[in-house]
Amino acid sequence: ATNVLLHPLDTWKSRRQAGDSERFRGLWTIGGMYRGLAPKIVLYTPYQAIYMAVYTRTRDVLLAHVTSNPCVAFALAGVVAEVSGSMVRLPMEVAKLRMQLGIYHSSWHAMRDFARKPSAVFGNFVPQTLVHDCTYSALSWVVFEGGRQQLFRRNESHHLQPHESLLLGTLAGAVTGAATTPLDVVKTRIVGSPTRPAPDDLAGAACGATRSGGSGSGSFCATSAHILRHE
């Protein structure tokens, strides 16, 4: 239900980040705002099942046998979970984004492209999974789990009230979303490029995204700063 309600906002965000408004003429309809929802609905549940199973298991093992630093354990567990779930999430995100941007005309078009050339999808592992998803996952778990531990100590209990979980999840999402927005924009422009596959060199891709926005800087940090100033 949440995916259905928020999908139009995700579509709007993706098109804003892509930066070329001329590409989306004729797509600002109700049906156009829900483009990409089908792969999200079909693949999100199996992705979440893999992700949460791997996260909880990895977190517990790290805390018990590897490190006494909880933040390190939370961050590493988030990265491992995201990489493990990428076999499902990566096709889901690529298909969703390219449908939102009008590169794929339908779910069938996305499936046919994936079946014909899987490398065109999994070639986005670096910008989508390693750079954006793993960073988001690690940071969000550090904020959420760290806050949860603080509440446990304050309440002298190992259980949170529903409103506390809701507020903590909202805080973690807001902080992480704000911190990773530059990475999200660069990822969107790489994965959603209609003219070429994702480059092997992420620095080159970030440089290309910067040039398309009107800046000559070639560094990833400069790219992020440029995006924050101009988006």
C-alpha atoms as a PDB file:
ATOM      1  CA  ALA A   1       0.000   0.000   0.000  1.00  0.00           C
ATOM      2  CA  THR A   2       2.832   2.400   0.842  1.00  0.00           C
ATOM      3  CA  ASN A   3       4.541   1.736  -2.481  1.00  0.00           C
ATOM      4  CA  VAL A   4       1.310   2.482  -4.350  1.00  0.00           C
ATOM      5  CA  LEU A   5       0.610   5.716  -2.468  1.00  0.00           C
ATOM      6  CA  LEU A   6       4.138   7.114  -2.708  1.00  0.00           C
ATOM      7  CA  HIS A   7       5.012   5.973  -6.220  1.00  0.00           C
ATOM      8  CA  PRO A   8       3.904   9.227  -7.928  1.00  0.00           C
ATOM      9  CA  LEU A   9       6.248  11.163  -5.625  1.00  0.00           C
ATOM     10  CA  ASP A  10       9.079   8.788  -6.505  1.00  0.00           C
ATOM     11  CA  THR A  11       8.325   9.292 -10.203  1.00  0.00           C
ATOM     12  CA  TRP A  12       8.347  13.069  -9.807  1.00  0.00           C
ATOM     13  CA  LYS A  13      11.657  12.889  -7.913  1.00  0.00           C
ATOM     14  CA  SER A  14      13.275  10.674 -10.555  1.00  0.00           C
ATOM     15  CA  ARG A  15      12.248  12.983 -13.405  1.00  0.00           C
ATOM     16  CA  ARG A  16      13.475  16.046 -11.533  1.00  0.00           C
ATOM     17  CA  GLN A  17      16.805  14.368 -10.882  1.00  0.00           C
ATOM     18  CA  ALA A  18      17.148  13.282 -14.520  1.00  0.00           C
ATOM     19  CA  GLY A  19      17.230  16.967 -15.398  1.00  0.00           C
ATOM     20  CA  ASP A  20      15.851  16.917 -18.967  1.00  0.00           C
ATOM     21  CA  SER A  21      12.207  17.970 -18.736  1.00  0.00           C
ATOM     22  CA  GLU A  22      11.652  17.716 -22.507  1.00  0.00           C
ATOM     23  CA  ARG A  23      11.935  13.937 -22.291  1.00  0.00           C
ATOM     24  CA  PHE A  24       8.831  13.652 -20.144  1.00  0.00           C
ATOM     25  CA  ARG A  25       6.238  15.513 -22.175  1.00  0.00           C
ATOM     26  CA  GLY A  26       3.119  13.390 -22.344  1.00  0.00           C
ATOM     27  CA  LEU A  27       4.119  11.382 -19.248  1.00  0.00           C
ATOM     28  CA  TRP A  28       2.589  13.715 -16.638  1.00  0.00           C
ATOM     29  CA  THR A  29      -0.692  11.809 -16.587  1.00  0.00           C
ATOM     30  CA  ILE A  30      -2.090   9.608 -13.833  1.00  0.00           C
ATOM     31  CA  GLY A  31      -0.957   6.521 -15.710  1.00  0.00           C
ATOM     32  CA  GLY A  32       2.390   8.131 -16.453  1.00  0.00           C
ATOM     33  CA  MET A  33       2.994   8.874 -12.771  1.00  0.00           C
ATOM     34  CA  TYR A  34       2.480   5.182 -11.968  1.00  0.00           C
ATOM     35  CA  ARG A  35       4.896   3.912 -14.603  1.00  0.00           C
ATOM     36  CA  GLY A  36       7.328   1.443 -13.027  1.00  0.00           C
ATOM     37  CA  LEU A  37       4.997   0.362 -10.236  1.00  0.00           C
ATOM     38  CA  ALA A  38       4.547  -3.213 -11.509  1.00  0.00           C
ATOM     39  CA  PRO A  39       8.195  -4.341 -11.102  1.00  0.00           C
ATOM     40  CA  LYS A  40       8.253  -2.651  -7.703  1.00  0.00           C
ATOM     41  CA  ILE A  41       5.184  -4.567  -6.505  1.00  0.00           C
ATOM     42  CA  VAL A  42       6.386  -7.912  -7.856  1.00  0.00           C
ATOM     43  CA  LEU A  43       9.999  -7.761  -6.656  1.00  0.00           C
ATOM     44  CA  TYR A  44       9.915  -5.647  -3.488  1.00  0.00           C
ATOM     45  CA  THR A  45       8.703  -8.404  -1.138  1.00  0.00           C
ATOM     46  CA  PRO A  46      11.355 -10.993  -2.118  1.00  0.00           C
ATOM     47  CA  TYR A  47      14.001  -8.273  -1.942  1.00  0.00           C
ATOM     48  CA  GLN A  48      12.924  -7.275   1.565  1.00  0.00           C
ATOM     49  CA  ALA A  49      12.856 -10.917   2.697  1.00  0.00           C
ATOM     50  CA  ILE A  50      16.456 -11.439   1.571  1.00  0.00           C
ATOM     51  CA  TYR A  51      17.593  -8.061   2.870  1.00  0.00           C
ATOM     52  CA  MET A  52      16.185  -8.358   6.408  1.00  0.00           C
ATOM     53  CA  ALA A  53      17.233 -11.997   6.854  1.00  0.00           C
ATOM     54  CA  VAL A  54      20.810 -11.186   5.861  1.00  0.00           C
ATOM     55  CA  TYR A  55      20.919  -7.965   7.867  1.00  0.00           C
ATOM     56  CA  THR A  56      19.774  -9.421  11.176  1.00  0.00           C
ATOM     57  CA  ARG A  57      21.991 -12.491  10.858  1.00  0.00           C
ATOM     58  CA  THR A  58      25.073 -10.476   9.864  1.00  0.00           C
ATOM     59  CA  ARG A  59      24.485  -7.879  12.580  1.00  0.00           C
ATOM     60  CA  ASP A  60      24.200 -10.523  15.287  1.00  0.00           C
ATOM     61  CA  VAL A  61      27.334 -12.368  14.106  1.00  0.00           C
ATOM     62  CA  LEU A  62      29.369  -9.171  13.917  1.00  0.00           C
ATOM     63  CA  LEU A  63      28.320  -8.030  17.384  1.00  0.00           C
ATOM     64  CA  ALA A  64      28.984 -11.443  18.903  1.00  0.00           C
ATOM     65  CA  HIS A  65      32.263 -12.412  17.242  1.00  0.00           C
ATOM     66  CA  VAL A  66      33.869  -9.603  15.231  1.00  0.00           C
ATOM     67  CA  THR A  67      33.512  -6.112  16.685  1.00  0.00           C
ATOM     68  CA  SER A  68      32.366  -4.494  19.892  1.00  0.00           C
ATOM     69  CA  ASN A  69      31.582  -1.250  18.090  1.00  0.00           C
ATOM     70  CA  PRO A  70      27.849  -1.345  17.358  1.00  0.00           C
ATOM     71  CA  CYS A  71      27.967   1.390  14.698  1.00  0.00           C
ATOM     72  CA  VAL A  72      30.513  -0.603  12.691  1.00  0.00           C
ATOM     73  CA  ALA A  73      28.381  -3.721  12.998  1.00  0.00           C
ATOM     74  CA  PHE A  74      25.205  -1.890  11.913  1.00  0.00           C
ATOM     75  CA  ALA A  75      26.906  -0.270   8.918  1.00  0.00           C
ATOM     76  CA  LEU A  76      28.656  -3.435   7.718  1.00  0.00           C
ATOM     77  CA  ALA A  77      25.502  -5.504   8.144  1.00  0.00           C
ATOM     78  CA  GLY A  78      23.593  -2.960   6.077  1.00  0.00           C
ATOM     79  CA  VAL A  79      26.159  -3.159   3.274  1.00  0.00           C
ATOM     80  CA  VAL A  80      26.211  -6.972   3.258  1.00  0.00           C
ATOM     81  CA  ALA A  81      22.408  -7.100   3.230  1.00  0.00           C
ATOM     82  CA  GLU A  82      22.190  -4.652   0.326  1.00  0.00           C
ATOM     83  CA  VAL A  83      24.752  -6.514  -1.764  1.00  0.00           C
ATOM     84  CA  SER A  84      22.949  -9.797  -1.057  1.00  0.00           C
ATOM     85  CA  GLY A  85      19.585  -8.338  -2.024  1.00  0.00           C
ATOM     86  CA  SER A  86      20.943  -6.677  -5.161  1.00  0.00           C
ATOM     87  CA  MET A  87      20.213  -9.757  -7.266  1.00  0.00           C
ATOM     88  CA  VAL A  88      16.554  -8.749  -6.889  1.00  0.00           C
ATOM     89  CA  ARG A  89      16.753  -5.025  -6.160  1.00  0.00           C
ATOM     90  CA  LEU A  90      18.988  -4.109  -9.093  1.00  0.00           C
ATOM     91  CA  PRO A  91      16.642  -5.400 -11.834  1.00  0.00           C
ATOM     92  CA  MET A  92      13.711  -3.907  -9.904  1.00  0.00           C
ATOM     93  CA  GLU A  93      15.265  -0.441  -9.604  1.00  0.00           C
ATOM     94  CA  VAL A  94      16.598  -0.322 -13.166  1.00  0.00           C
ATOM     95  CA  ALA A  95      13.248  -1.378 -14.638  1.00  0.00           C
ATOM     96  CA  LYS A  96      11.300   1.021 -12.388  1.00  0.00           C
ATOM     97  CA  LEU A  97      13.522   4.014 -13.111  1.00  0.00           C
ATOM     98  CA  ARG A  98      13.710   3.459 -16.859  1.00  0.00           C
ATOM     99  CA  MET A  99       9.934   3.068 -17.049  1.00  0.00           C
ATOM    100  CA  GLN A 100       9.467   6.263 -15.034  1.00  0.00           C
ATOM    101  CA  LEU A 101      11.771   8.106 -17.435  1.00  0.00           C
ATOM    102  CA  GLY A 102      10.112   6.691 -20.540  1.00  0.00           C
ATOM    103  CA  ILE A 103      13.096   4.601 -21.683  1.00  0.00           C
ATOM    104  CA  TYR A 104      11.068   1.408 -21.283  1.00  0.00           C
ATOM    105  CA  HIS A 105       7.555   1.633 -22.646  1.00  0.00           C
ATOM    106  CA  SER A 106       6.126  -1.180 -20.506  1.00  0.00           C
ATOM    107  CA  SER A 107       6.994  -3.927 -18.017  1.00  0.00           C
ATOM    108  CA  TRP A 108       7.159  -6.342 -20.943  1.00  0.00           C
ATOM    109  CA  HIS A 109       9.722  -4.080 -22.644  1.00  0.00           C
ATOM    110  CA  ALA A 110      11.818  -4.100 -19.457  1.00  0.00           C
ATOM    111  CA  MET A 111      11.599  -7.901 -19.120  1.00  0.00           C
ATOM    112  CA  ARG A 112      12.509  -8.425 -22.766  1.00  0.00           C
ATOM    113  CA  ASP A 113      15.523  -6.121 -22.489  1.00  0.00           C
ATOM    114  CA  PHE A 114      16.693  -7.887 -19.342  1.00  0.00           C
ATOM    115  CA  ALA A 115      16.300 -11.341 -20.909  1.00  0.00           C
ATOM    116  CA  ARG A 116      18.162 -10.272 -24.031  1.00  0.00           C
ATOM    117  CA  LYS A 117      21.057  -8.539 -22.268  1.00  0.00           C
ATOM    118  CA  PRO A 118      21.255  -8.969 -18.468  1.00  0.00           C
ATOM    119  CA  SER A 119      24.585  -7.145 -18.426  1.00  0.00           C
ATOM    120  CA  ALA A 120      22.736  -3.946 -19.365  1.00  0.00           C
ATOM    121  CA  VAL A 121      21.020  -4.196 -15.981  1.00  0.00           C
ATOM    122  CA  PHE A 122      23.715  -5.709 -13.765  1.00  0.00           C
ATOM    123  CA  GLY A 123      26.257  -3.352 -15.292  1.00  0.00           C
ATOM    124  CA  ASN A 124      24.701  -0.722 -13.035  1.00  0.00           C
ATOM    125  CA  PHE A 125      25.881  -2.536  -9.899  1.00  0.00           C
ATOM    126  CA  VAL A 126      28.446   0.147  -9.038  1.00  0.00           C
ATOM    127  CA  PRO A 127      26.320   3.319  -9.321  1.00  0.00           C
ATOM    128  CA  GLN A 128      23.077   1.753  -8.082  1.00  0.00           C
ATOM    129  CA  THR A 129      24.159  -0.778  -5.464  1.00  0.00           C
ATOM    130  CA  LEU A 130      27.637   0.093  -4.225  1.00  0.00           C
ATOM    131  CA  VAL A 131      27.524   3.863  -4.387  1.00  0.00           C
ATOM    132  CA  HIS A 132      23.898   4.646  -3.541  1.00  0.00           C
ATOM    133  CA  ASP A 133      22.115   1.654  -2.002  1.00  0.00           C
ATOM    134  CA  CYS A 134      24.967   0.479   0.249  1.00  0.00           C
ATOM    135  CA  THR A 135      25.641   4.000   1.489  1.00  0.00           C
ATOM    136  CA  TYR A 136      21.960   4.563   2.195  1.00  0.00           C
ATOM    137  CA  SER A 137      21.603   1.200   3.927  1.00  0.00           C
ATOM    138  CA  ALA A 138      24.666   1.627   6.138  1.00  0.00           C
ATOM    139  CA  LEU A 139      23.797   5.164   7.232  1.00  0.00           C
ATOM    140  CA  SER A 140      20.113   4.471   7.831  1.00  0.00           C
ATOM    141  CA  TRP A 141      20.862   1.498  10.086  1.00  0.00           C
ATOM    142  CA  VAL A 142      23.473   3.450  12.060  1.00  0.00           C
ATOM    143  CA  VAL A 143      20.916   6.199  12.704  1.00  0.00           C
ATOM    144  CA  PHE A 144      18.003   3.846  13.408  1.00  0.00           C
ATOM    145  CA  GLU A 145      19.837   1.265  15.542  1.00  0.00           C
ATOM    146  CA  GLY A 146      21.817   3.939  17.364  1.00  0.00           C
ATOM    147  CA  GLY A 147      18.634   5.816  18.193  1.00  0.00           C
ATOM    148  CA  ARG A 148      16.937   2.610  19.244  1.00  0.00           C
ATOM    149  CA  GLN A 149      19.725   1.798  21.673  1.00  0.00           C
ATOM    150  CA  GLN A 150      19.434   5.284  23.157  1.00  0.00           C
ATOM    151  CA  LEU A 151      15.690   4.784  23.668  1.00  0.00           C
ATOM    152  CA  PHE A 152      16.269   1.356  25.228  1.00  0.00           C
ATOM    153  CA  ARG A 153      18.605   2.917  27.792  1.00  0.00           C
ATOM    154  CA  ARG A 154      16.281   5.847  28.466  1.00  0.00           C
ATOM    155  CA  ASN A 155      13.191   3.650  28.853  1.00  0.00           C
ATOM    156  CA  GLU A 156      15.075   0.865  30.654  1.00  0.00           C
ATOM    157  CA  SER A 157      13.337  -1.560  28.312  1.00  0.00           C
ATOM    158  CA  HIS A 158      14.147  -3.552  25.180  1.00  0.00           C
ATOM    159  CA  HIS A 159      10.825  -2.739  23.555  1.00  0.00           C
ATOM    160  CA  LEU A 160       9.727   0.403  21.743  1.00  0.00           C
ATOM    161  CA  GLN A 161       6.250   1.847  21.597  1.00  0.00           C
ATOM    162  CA  PRO A 162       4.720   2.023  18.093  1.00  0.00           C
ATOM    163  CA  HIS A 163       4.978   5.820  17.995  1.00  0.00           C
ATOM    164  CA  GLU A 164       8.640   5.630  18.996  1.00  0.00           C
ATOM    165  CA  SER A 165       9.424   3.208  16.177  1.00  0.00           C
ATOM    166  CA  LEU A 166       7.520   5.406  13.727  1.00  0.00           C
ATOM    167  CA  LEU A 167       9.329   8.580  14.757  1.00  0.00           C
ATOM    168  CA  LEU A 168      12.709   6.863  14.775  1.00  0.00           C
ATOM    169  CA  GLY A 169      12.147   5.374  11.332  1.00  0.00           C
ATOM    170  CA  THR A 170      11.048   8.763  10.000  1.00  0.00           C
ATOM    171  CA  LEU A 171      14.140  10.426  11.447  1.00  0.00           C
ATOM    172  CA  ALA A 172      16.468   7.786  10.014  1.00  0.00           C
ATOM    173  CA  GLY A 173      14.865   8.081   6.585  1.00  0.00           C
ATOM    174  CA  ALA A 174      14.980  11.878   6.582  1.00  0.00           C
ATOM    175  CA  VAL A 175      18.612  12.116   7.689  1.00  0.00           C
ATOM    176  CA  THR A 176      19.780   9.403   5.321  1.00  0.00           C
ATOM    177  CA  GLY A 177      17.762  10.719   2.390  1.00  0.00           C
ATOM    178  CA  ALA A 178      19.184  14.218   2.811  1.00  0.00           C
ATOM    179  CA  ALA A 179      22.751  12.944   3.134  1.00  0.00           C
ATOM    180  CA  THR A 180      22.580  10.668   0.094  1.00  0.00           C
ATOM    181  CA  THR A 181      20.622  12.904  -2.297  1.00  0.00           C
ATOM    182  CA  PRO A 182      23.743  13.814  -4.347  1.00  0.00           C
ATOM    183  CA  LEU A 183      24.497  10.124  -4.813  1.00  0.00           C
ATOM    184  CA  ASP A 184      20.883   9.509  -5.764  1.00  0.00           C
ATOM    185  CA  VAL A 185      21.005  12.180  -8.470  1.00  0.00           C
ATOM    186  CA  VAL A 186      24.243  10.868  -9.979  1.00  0.00           C
ATOM    187  CA  LYS A 187      22.840   7.330  -9.883  1.00  0.00           C
ATOM    188  CA  THR A 188      19.632   8.434 -11.574  1.00  0.00           C
ATOM    189  CA  ARG A 189      21.513  10.142 -14.386  1.00  0.00           C
ATOM    190  CA  ILE A 190      23.706   7.097 -14.971  1.00  0.00           C
ATOM    191  CA  VAL A 191      21.065   4.371 -14.776  1.00  0.00           C
ATOM    192  CA  GLY A 192      18.463   6.517 -16.519  1.00  0.00           C
ATOM    193  CA  SER A 193      20.634   7.599 -19.431  1.00  0.00           C
ATOM    194  CA  PRO A 194      18.729   6.941 -22.690  1.00  0.00           C
ATOM    195  CA  THR A 195      21.814   7.036 -24.912  1.00  0.00           C
ATOM    196  CA  ARG A 196      24.427   4.792 -23.338  1.00  0.00           C
ATOM    197  CA  PRO A 197      24.906   2.015 -20.758  1.00  0.00           C
ATOM    198  CA  ALA A 198      26.357   2.742 -17.368  1.00  0.00           C
ATOM    199  CA  PRO A 199      30.105   3.410 -17.660  1.00  0.00           C
ATOM    200  CA  ASP A 200      32.604   1.162 -15.949  1.00  0.00           C
ATOM    201  CA  ASP A 201      34.296   4.182 -14.410  1.00  0.00           C
ATOM    202  CA  LEU A 202      32.033   5.883 -11.876  1.00  0.00           C
ATOM    203  CA  ALA A 203      34.256   8.959 -11.759  1.00  0.00           C
ATOM    204  CA  GLY A 204      33.808   9.362 -15.484  1.00  0.00           C
ATOM    205  CA  ALA A 205      30.057   8.974 -15.136  1.00  0.00           C
ATOM    206  CA  ALA A 206      29.913  11.564 -12.357  1.00  0.00           C
ATOM    207  CA  CYS A 207      31.984  13.906 -14.498  1.00  0.00           C
ATOM    208  CA  GLY A 208      29.563  13.393 -17.351  1.00  0.00           C
ATOM    209  CA  ALA A 209      26.596  14.168 -15.127  1.00  0.00           C
ATOM    210  CA  THR A 210      28.323  17.347 -13.990  1.00  0.00           C
ATOM    211  CA  ARG A 211      29.064  18.446 -17.541  1.00  0.00           C
ATOM    212  CA  SER A 212      25.447  17.867 -18.525  1.00  0.00           C
ATOM    213  CA  GLY A 213      24.432  20.195 -15.681  1.00  0.00           C
ATOM    214  CA  GLY A 214      26.781  22.921 -16.871  1.00  0.00           C
ATOM    215  CA  SER A 215      29.857  22.502 -14.663  1.00  0.00           C
ATOM    216  CA  GLY A 216      33.352  21.592 -15.765  1.00  0.00           C
ATOM    217  CA  SER A 217      34.524  19.978 -12.552  1.00  0.00           C
ATOM    218  CA  GLY A 218      35.652  16.403 -12.785  1.00  0.00           C
ATOM    219  CA  SER A 219      35.596  15.274  -9.179  1.00  0.00           C
ATOM    220  CA  PHE A 220      32.811  13.309  -7.551  1.00  0.00           C
ATOM    221  CA  CYS A 221      32.645  15.751  -4.638  1.00  0.00           C
ATOM    222  CA  ALA A 222      32.341  18.669  -7.049  1.00  0.00           C
ATOM    223  CA  THR A 223      29.580  16.802  -8.857  1.00  0.00           C
ATOM    224  CA  SER A 224      27.648  16.371  -5.634  1.00  0.00           C
ATOM    225  CA  ALA A 225      28.121  20.021  -4.691  1.00  0.00           C
ATOM    226  CA  HIS A 226      26.966  21.140  -8.133  1.00  0.00           C
ATOM    227  CA  ILE A 227      23.836  18.998  -7.908  1.00  0.00           C
ATOM    228  CA  LEU A 228      22.959  20.336  -4.465  1.00  0.00           C
ATOM    229  CA  ARG A 229      23.302  23.912  -5.737  1.00  0.00           C
ATOM    230  CA  HIS A 230      21.317  23.472  -8.930  1.00  0.00           C
ATOM    231  CA  GLU A 231      18.620  20.844  -8.220  1.00  0.00           C
END
